[in-house]
Amino acid sequence: MDQSSTERRRLLLVDDCAPQRELYELMLERDFDVVTASRGAEGLELAVRTRPDAILLDVLMPEMDGWETCTRIRCDAATADIPVILLTAADDVDLSQHAVAVGASALLRKPCPADELRRTIDDLLRHQGGDRDPARPR
């Protein structure tokens, strides 16, 4: 039995747009256990509580946007090592630099094709593989 059949990776998806959130959840639920949040603050709480393997985070959200949420994820020892993929519909050259500045692992443009999203997640998890705390619950 291979590892993928015995242990599923957990993703946290944070997006205030319900149809977008549902679409990405449908795209990913075959390969991952997907936990969702509709706001940045809720996402921060779930990140600490569920300890996902990766976080997909919308940039444009009310109250606490994705930039601030990512910064707070990086500043918390409990979540600092979790890869964060920022998702945005904006098409601004400076966004990539800002994503690096807040500690994002990747920045993808919406709408993001399922294969590109899975490949990005897989690449980040593969590169991080040995760096995760083995005592960290899944």
N, C-alpha and C. Protein backbone atom coordinates (compact mmCIF):
# COMPACT_ATOMS: atom_id res chain seq x y z
N MET A 1 0.84 -1.18 0.00
CA MET A 1 0.00 0.00 0.00
C MET A 1 0.88 1.24 0.00
N ASP A 2 0.62 2.17 -0.93
CA ASP A 2 1.47 3.35 -0.99
C ASP A 2 1.04 4.40 0.02
N GLN A 3 1.93 5.36 0.25
CA GLN A 3 1.71 6.38 1.27
C GLN A 3 0.45 7.19 1.01
N SER A 4 0.14 7.46 -0.25
CA SER A 4 -1.02 8.30 -0.56
C SER A 4 -2.32 7.65 -0.13
N SER A 5 -2.36 6.32 -0.06
CA SER A 5 -3.59 5.66 0.33
C SER A 5 -3.70 5.54 1.84
N THR A 6 -2.60 5.69 2.57
CA THR A 6 -2.66 5.56 4.02
C THR A 6 -2.68 6.90 4.74
N GLU A 7 -2.15 7.93 4.13
CA GLU A 7 -2.08 9.24 4.78
C GLU A 7 -2.39 10.33 3.77
N ARG A 8 -3.50 10.99 3.97
CA ARG A 8 -3.88 12.09 3.08
C ARG A 8 -3.35 13.39 3.63
N ARG A 9 -2.88 14.22 2.74
CA ARG A 9 -2.40 15.54 3.12
C ARG A 9 -3.60 16.45 3.38
N ARG A 10 -3.44 17.39 4.30
CA ARG A 10 -4.51 18.32 4.65
C ARG A 10 -4.17 19.70 4.10
N LEU A 11 -5.15 20.31 3.44
CA LEU A 11 -5.01 21.66 2.92
C LEU A 11 -6.02 22.57 3.60
N LEU A 12 -5.60 23.77 3.87
CA LEU A 12 -6.51 24.80 4.35
C LEU A 12 -6.72 25.78 3.20
N LEU A 13 -7.97 25.98 2.84
CA LEU A 13 -8.34 26.88 1.76
C LEU A 13 -9.10 28.06 2.36
N VAL A 14 -8.56 29.27 2.18
CA VAL A 14 -9.17 30.47 2.74
C VAL A 14 -9.55 31.40 1.59
N ASP A 15 -10.86 31.59 1.40
CA ASP A 15 -11.35 32.45 0.33
C ASP A 15 -12.74 32.95 0.73
N ASP A 16 -12.97 34.24 0.62
CA ASP A 16 -14.26 34.81 1.02
C ASP A 16 -15.36 34.58 -0.01
N CYS A 17 -15.02 34.21 -1.21
CA CYS A 17 -15.99 33.98 -2.28
C CYS A 17 -16.42 32.51 -2.26
N ALA A 18 -17.65 32.26 -1.83
CA ALA A 18 -18.13 30.89 -1.67
C ALA A 18 -18.04 30.07 -2.96
N PRO A 19 -18.47 30.57 -4.13
CA PRO A 19 -18.36 29.76 -5.35
C PRO A 19 -16.90 29.41 -5.69
N GLN A 20 -16.00 30.36 -5.49
CA GLN A 20 -14.58 30.11 -5.75
C GLN A 20 -14.04 29.06 -4.78
N ARG A 21 -14.39 29.20 -3.52
CA ARG A 21 -13.95 28.25 -2.49
C ARG A 21 -14.46 26.84 -2.82
N GLU A 22 -15.73 26.74 -3.19
CA GLU A 22 -16.31 25.44 -3.52
C GLU A 22 -15.66 24.83 -4.75
N LEU A 23 -15.35 25.65 -5.74
CA LEU A 23 -14.68 25.16 -6.96
C LEU A 23 -13.31 24.57 -6.63
N TYR A 24 -12.50 25.31 -5.88
CA TYR A 24 -11.18 24.81 -5.52
C TYR A 24 -11.28 23.57 -4.63
N GLU A 25 -12.26 23.55 -3.75
CA GLU A 25 -12.44 22.38 -2.89
C GLU A 25 -12.77 21.15 -3.75
N LEU A 26 -13.66 21.30 -4.72
CA LEU A 26 -13.99 20.19 -5.62
C LEU A 26 -12.77 19.73 -6.42
N MET A 27 -11.95 20.69 -6.84
CA MET A 27 -10.75 20.37 -7.61
C MET A 27 -9.75 19.57 -6.79
N LEU A 28 -9.73 19.76 -5.48
CA LEU A 28 -8.66 19.20 -4.65
C LEU A 28 -9.08 18.06 -3.73
N GLU A 29 -10.38 17.89 -3.49
CA GLU A 29 -10.82 16.93 -2.48
C GLU A 29 -10.50 15.47 -2.83
N ARG A 30 -10.27 15.16 -4.07
CA ARG A 30 -9.90 13.80 -4.44
C ARG A 30 -8.52 13.42 -3.90
N ASP A 31 -7.63 14.41 -3.84
CA ASP A 31 -6.25 14.15 -3.45
C ASP A 31 -5.90 14.61 -2.03
N PHE A 32 -6.73 15.48 -1.46
CA PHE A 32 -6.41 16.07 -0.16
C PHE A 32 -7.64 16.15 0.73
N ASP A 33 -7.41 16.19 2.03
CA ASP A 33 -8.46 16.56 2.97
C ASP A 33 -8.46 18.08 2.99
N VAL A 34 -9.56 18.69 2.59
CA VAL A 34 -9.64 20.14 2.46
C VAL A 34 -10.48 20.72 3.59
N VAL A 35 -9.88 21.65 4.33
CA VAL A 35 -10.55 22.41 5.38
C VAL A 35 -10.71 23.81 4.82
N THR A 36 -11.89 24.42 5.00
CA THR A 36 -12.11 25.74 4.41
C THR A 36 -12.44 26.80 5.45
N ALA A 37 -12.12 28.04 5.07
CA ALA A 37 -12.45 29.21 5.88
C ALA A 37 -12.84 30.33 4.91
N SER A 38 -13.72 31.23 5.38
CA SER A 38 -14.17 32.31 4.52
C SER A 38 -13.55 33.67 4.85
N ARG A 39 -12.74 33.73 5.89
CA ARG A 39 -12.10 34.97 6.32
C ARG A 39 -10.68 34.69 6.81
N GLY A 40 -9.84 35.70 6.77
CA GLY A 40 -8.46 35.56 7.20
C GLY A 40 -8.32 35.15 8.66
N ALA A 41 -9.09 35.79 9.55
CA ALA A 41 -8.99 35.47 10.98
C ALA A 41 -9.40 34.02 11.25
N GLU A 42 -10.45 33.58 10.57
CA GLU A 42 -10.90 32.19 10.70
C GLU A 42 -9.81 31.24 10.18
N GLY A 43 -9.17 31.63 9.08
CA GLY A 43 -8.10 30.82 8.52
C GLY A 43 -6.92 30.69 9.48
N LEU A 44 -6.56 31.79 10.15
CA LEU A 44 -5.47 31.74 11.14
C LEU A 44 -5.80 30.76 12.26
N GLU A 45 -7.02 30.83 12.76
CA GLU A 45 -7.44 29.93 13.83
C GLU A 45 -7.41 28.48 13.38
N LEU A 46 -7.91 28.21 12.18
CA LEU A 46 -7.91 26.84 11.66
C LEU A 46 -6.49 26.34 11.37
N ALA A 47 -5.61 27.23 10.96
CA ALA A 47 -4.23 26.82 10.68
C ALA A 47 -3.56 26.30 11.95
N VAL A 48 -3.78 26.98 13.06
CA VAL A 48 -3.21 26.54 14.33
C VAL A 48 -3.87 25.24 14.80
N ARG A 49 -5.19 25.19 14.68
CA ARG A 49 -5.94 24.05 15.20
C ARG A 49 -5.79 22.79 14.36
N THR A 50 -5.79 22.91 13.02
CA THR A 50 -5.78 21.72 12.16
C THR A 50 -4.40 21.37 11.64
N ARG A 51 -3.46 22.30 11.73
CA ARG A 51 -2.09 22.10 11.26
C ARG A 51 -2.04 21.48 9.86
N PRO A 52 -2.50 22.25 8.85
CA PRO A 52 -2.51 21.74 7.49
C PRO A 52 -1.09 21.59 6.92
N ASP A 53 -0.99 20.80 5.88
CA ASP A 53 0.29 20.63 5.20
C ASP A 53 0.59 21.82 4.28
N ALA A 54 -0.46 22.49 3.82
CA ALA A 54 -0.31 23.68 2.98
C ALA A 54 -1.57 24.54 3.12
N ILE A 55 -1.41 25.82 2.80
CA ILE A 55 -2.51 26.77 2.89
C ILE A 55 -2.67 27.46 1.55
N LEU A 56 -3.90 27.47 1.03
CA LEU A 56 -4.25 28.23 -0.16
C LEU A 56 -5.00 29.46 0.33
N LEU A 57 -4.52 30.63 -0.04
CA LEU A 57 -5.01 31.86 0.58
C LEU A 57 -5.33 32.92 -0.47
N ASP A 58 -6.60 33.31 -0.53
CA ASP A 58 -7.01 34.39 -1.42
C ASP A 58 -6.39 35.70 -0.94
N VAL A 59 -5.99 36.54 -1.87
CA VAL A 59 -5.38 37.82 -1.50
C VAL A 59 -6.43 38.86 -1.13
N LEU A 60 -7.47 39.00 -1.93
CA LEU A 60 -8.46 40.05 -1.71
C LEU A 60 -9.62 39.52 -0.88
N MET A 61 -9.59 39.85 0.41
CA MET A 61 -10.66 39.48 1.33
C MET A 61 -10.94 40.67 2.23
N PRO A 62 -12.19 40.78 2.70
CA PRO A 62 -12.50 41.88 3.62
C PRO A 62 -11.88 41.64 4.99
N GLU A 63 -11.82 42.68 5.78
CA GLU A 63 -11.31 42.67 7.15
C GLU A 63 -9.81 42.40 7.17
N MET A 64 -9.39 41.17 7.04
CA MET A 64 -7.96 40.84 7.01
C MET A 64 -7.66 40.21 5.66
N ASP A 65 -6.92 40.92 4.81
CA ASP A 65 -6.64 40.38 3.48
C ASP A 65 -5.58 39.27 3.53
N GLY A 66 -5.33 38.69 2.39
CA GLY A 66 -4.37 37.59 2.31
C GLY A 66 -2.95 37.98 2.65
N TRP A 67 -2.57 39.22 2.34
CA TRP A 67 -1.22 39.69 2.67
C TRP A 67 -1.00 39.67 4.18
N GLU A 68 -1.95 40.26 4.91
CA GLU A 68 -1.83 40.30 6.37
C GLU A 68 -1.95 38.90 6.97
N THR A 69 -2.86 38.11 6.43
CA THR A 69 -3.03 36.74 6.94
C THR A 69 -1.74 35.94 6.76
N CYS A 70 -1.11 36.06 5.60
CA CYS A 70 0.15 35.34 5.35
C CYS A 70 1.24 35.82 6.31
N THR A 71 1.32 37.12 6.51
CA THR A 71 2.32 37.68 7.44
C THR A 71 2.11 37.09 8.84
N ARG A 72 0.87 37.03 9.28
CA ARG A 72 0.58 36.48 10.61
C ARG A 72 0.87 35.00 10.69
N ILE A 73 0.63 34.27 9.62
CA ILE A 73 0.96 32.83 9.58
C ILE A 73 2.47 32.67 9.78
N ARG A 74 3.25 33.49 9.11
CA ARG A 74 4.71 33.41 9.20
C ARG A 74 5.24 33.82 10.57
N CYS A 75 4.52 34.67 11.27
CA CYS A 75 4.97 35.17 12.57
C CYS A 75 4.61 34.26 13.73
N ASP A 76 3.81 33.24 13.49
CA ASP A 76 3.38 32.32 14.54
C ASP A 76 4.21 31.04 14.44
N ALA A 77 4.91 30.71 15.51
CA ALA A 77 5.77 29.52 15.50
C ALA A 77 5.01 28.25 15.14
N ALA A 78 3.72 28.19 15.48
CA ALA A 78 2.92 27.00 15.20
C ALA A 78 2.61 26.83 13.72
N THR A 79 2.71 27.91 12.94
CA THR A 79 2.33 27.83 11.53
C THR A 79 3.42 28.33 10.57
N ALA A 80 4.51 28.81 11.10
CA ALA A 80 5.53 29.48 10.28
C ALA A 80 6.10 28.61 9.16
N ASP A 81 6.13 27.30 9.35
CA ASP A 81 6.74 26.42 8.35
C ASP A 81 5.76 25.88 7.32
N ILE A 82 4.50 26.24 7.40
CA ILE A 82 3.50 25.73 6.46
C ILE A 82 3.59 26.51 5.14
N PRO A 83 3.71 25.81 4.01
CA PRO A 83 3.73 26.52 2.73
C PRO A 83 2.41 27.26 2.50
N VAL A 84 2.51 28.50 2.03
CA VAL A 84 1.34 29.31 1.74
C VAL A 84 1.35 29.67 0.26
N ILE A 85 0.25 29.33 -0.40
CA ILE A 85 0.08 29.67 -1.81
C ILE A 85 -0.97 30.78 -1.87
N LEU A 86 -0.57 31.95 -2.32
CA LEU A 86 -1.50 33.05 -2.48
C LEU A 86 -2.19 32.94 -3.84
N LEU A 87 -3.49 33.21 -3.84
CA LEU A 87 -4.29 33.18 -5.07
C LEU A 87 -4.85 34.57 -5.31
N THR A 88 -4.71 35.08 -6.53
CA THR A 88 -5.21 36.43 -6.83
C THR A 88 -5.70 36.52 -8.26
N ALA A 89 -6.73 37.33 -8.46
CA ALA A 89 -7.22 37.62 -9.80
C ALA A 89 -6.53 38.85 -10.37
N ALA A 90 -5.85 39.60 -9.51
CA ALA A 90 -5.16 40.81 -9.95
C ALA A 90 -3.98 40.45 -10.84
N ASP A 91 -3.65 41.35 -11.75
CA ASP A 91 -2.55 41.11 -12.67
C ASP A 91 -1.58 42.28 -12.60
N ASP A 92 -0.81 42.31 -11.52
CA ASP A 92 0.11 43.41 -11.25
C ASP A 92 1.51 42.82 -11.10
N VAL A 93 2.45 43.39 -11.78
CA VAL A 93 3.83 42.90 -11.75
C VAL A 93 4.41 42.91 -10.33
N ASP A 94 4.05 43.89 -9.53
CA ASP A 94 4.59 44.01 -8.19
C ASP A 94 4.07 42.96 -7.21
N LEU A 95 3.02 42.24 -7.58
CA LEU A 95 2.43 41.26 -6.67
C LEU A 95 3.42 40.16 -6.29
N SER A 96 4.22 39.72 -7.23
CA SER A 96 5.20 38.66 -6.93
C SER A 96 6.20 39.11 -5.88
N GLN A 97 6.66 40.35 -5.99
CA GLN A 97 7.59 40.87 -4.99
C GLN A 97 6.92 41.00 -3.64
N HIS A 98 5.68 41.45 -3.63
CA HIS A 98 4.94 41.58 -2.37
C HIS A 98 4.71 40.20 -1.75
N ALA A 99 4.43 39.20 -2.58
CA ALA A 99 4.22 37.83 -2.09
C ALA A 99 5.48 37.32 -1.38
N VAL A 100 6.63 37.59 -1.96
CA VAL A 100 7.90 37.19 -1.34
C VAL A 100 8.08 37.93 -0.02
N ALA A 101 7.76 39.22 -0.01
CA ALA A 101 7.94 40.04 1.19
C ALA A 101 7.11 39.55 2.38
N VAL A 102 5.91 39.01 2.12
CA VAL A 102 5.06 38.53 3.21
C VAL A 102 5.31 37.06 3.54
N GLY A 103 6.22 36.43 2.81
CA GLY A 103 6.59 35.05 3.12
C GLY A 103 5.82 33.98 2.39
N ALA A 104 5.12 34.33 1.32
CA ALA A 104 4.38 33.33 0.56
C ALA A 104 5.35 32.38 -0.14
N SER A 105 4.93 31.14 -0.26
CA SER A 105 5.73 30.13 -0.95
C SER A 105 5.51 30.18 -2.45
N ALA A 106 4.32 30.64 -2.88
CA ALA A 106 3.99 30.74 -4.29
C ALA A 106 2.84 31.73 -4.46
N LEU A 107 2.72 32.26 -5.67
CA LEU A 107 1.62 33.15 -6.03
C LEU A 107 1.05 32.65 -7.34
N LEU A 108 -0.26 32.36 -7.35
CA LEU A 108 -0.92 31.88 -8.56
C LEU A 108 -2.05 32.83 -8.93
N ARG A 109 -2.26 32.97 -10.23
CA ARG A 109 -3.33 33.82 -10.73
C ARG A 109 -4.63 33.02 -10.86
N LYS A 110 -5.74 33.65 -10.45
CA LYS A 110 -7.06 33.07 -10.64
C LYS A 110 -7.58 33.47 -12.02
N PRO A 111 -8.33 32.64 -12.67
CA PRO A 111 -8.62 31.27 -12.27
C PRO A 111 -7.41 30.38 -12.55
N CYS A 112 -7.10 29.53 -11.62
CA CYS A 112 -5.94 28.67 -11.73
C CYS A 112 -6.40 27.27 -12.15
N PRO A 113 -5.87 26.74 -13.25
CA PRO A 113 -6.25 25.39 -13.67
C PRO A 113 -5.90 24.36 -12.59
N ALA A 114 -6.72 23.34 -12.48
CA ALA A 114 -6.54 22.30 -11.46
C ALA A 114 -5.16 21.66 -11.52
N ASP A 115 -4.67 21.37 -12.72
CA ASP A 115 -3.37 20.70 -12.82
C ASP A 115 -2.24 21.61 -12.34
N GLU A 116 -2.31 22.90 -12.62
CA GLU A 116 -1.28 23.82 -12.16
C GLU A 116 -1.32 23.96 -10.63
N LEU A 117 -2.52 24.02 -10.08
CA LEU A 117 -2.67 24.13 -8.63
C LEU A 117 -2.12 22.88 -7.95
N ARG A 118 -2.49 21.70 -8.42
CA ARG A 118 -1.99 20.44 -7.84
C ARG A 118 -0.47 20.34 -7.96
N ARG A 119 0.05 20.70 -9.12
CA ARG A 119 1.50 20.63 -9.35
C ARG A 119 2.23 21.55 -8.38
N THR A 120 1.72 22.76 -8.19
CA THR A 120 2.35 23.71 -7.27
C THR A 120 2.33 23.17 -5.85
N ILE A 121 1.18 22.66 -5.41
CA ILE A 121 1.07 22.08 -4.07
C ILE A 121 2.03 20.91 -3.92
N ASP A 122 2.01 20.00 -4.88
CA ASP A 122 2.90 18.82 -4.81
C ASP A 122 4.37 19.23 -4.75
N ASP A 123 4.76 20.20 -5.58
CA ASP A 123 6.16 20.66 -5.58
C ASP A 123 6.55 21.23 -4.22
N LEU A 124 5.68 22.06 -3.65
CA LEU A 124 5.99 22.66 -2.34
C LEU A 124 6.07 21.59 -1.25
N LEU A 125 5.16 20.65 -1.26
CA LEU A 125 5.16 19.60 -0.24
C LEU A 125 6.36 18.67 -0.41
N ARG A 126 6.74 18.40 -1.65
CA ARG A 126 7.90 17.54 -1.91
C ARG A 126 9.18 18.21 -1.43
N HIS A 127 9.33 19.51 -1.70
CA HIS A 127 10.53 20.23 -1.28
C HIS A 127 10.60 20.39 0.22
N GLN A 128 9.45 20.44 0.85
CA GLN A 128 9.41 20.64 2.29
C GLN A 128 9.50 19.31 3.04
N GLY A 129 9.13 18.23 2.41
CA GLY A 129 9.01 16.90 3.01
C GLY A 129 9.81 16.61 4.26
N GLY A 130 11.12 16.71 4.21
CA GLY A 130 11.94 16.36 5.35
C GLY A 130 12.07 17.45 6.39
N ASP A 131 11.56 18.64 6.08
CA ASP A 131 11.72 19.76 6.99
C ASP A 131 10.63 19.87 8.05
N ARG A 132 9.56 19.10 7.91
CA ARG A 132 8.45 19.22 8.85
C ARG A 132 8.79 18.54 10.17
N ASP A 133 8.28 19.06 11.24
CA ASP A 133 8.47 18.49 12.57
C ASP A 133 7.76 17.15 12.64
N PRO A 134 8.48 16.05 12.86
CA PRO A 134 7.85 14.74 12.87
C PRO A 134 6.86 14.58 14.00
N ALA A 135 6.95 15.39 15.03
CA ALA A 135 6.02 15.29 16.15
C ALA A 135 4.72 16.03 15.87
N ARG A 136 4.69 16.79 14.78
CA ARG A 136 3.53 17.59 14.44
C ARG A 136 2.38 16.68 14.01
N PRO A 137 1.23 16.77 14.66
CA PRO A 137 0.10 15.90 14.30
C PRO A 137 -0.44 16.21 12.93
N ARG A 138 -0.99 15.21 12.29
CA ARG A 138 -1.58 15.38 10.95
C ARG A 138 -3.08 15.33 11.06
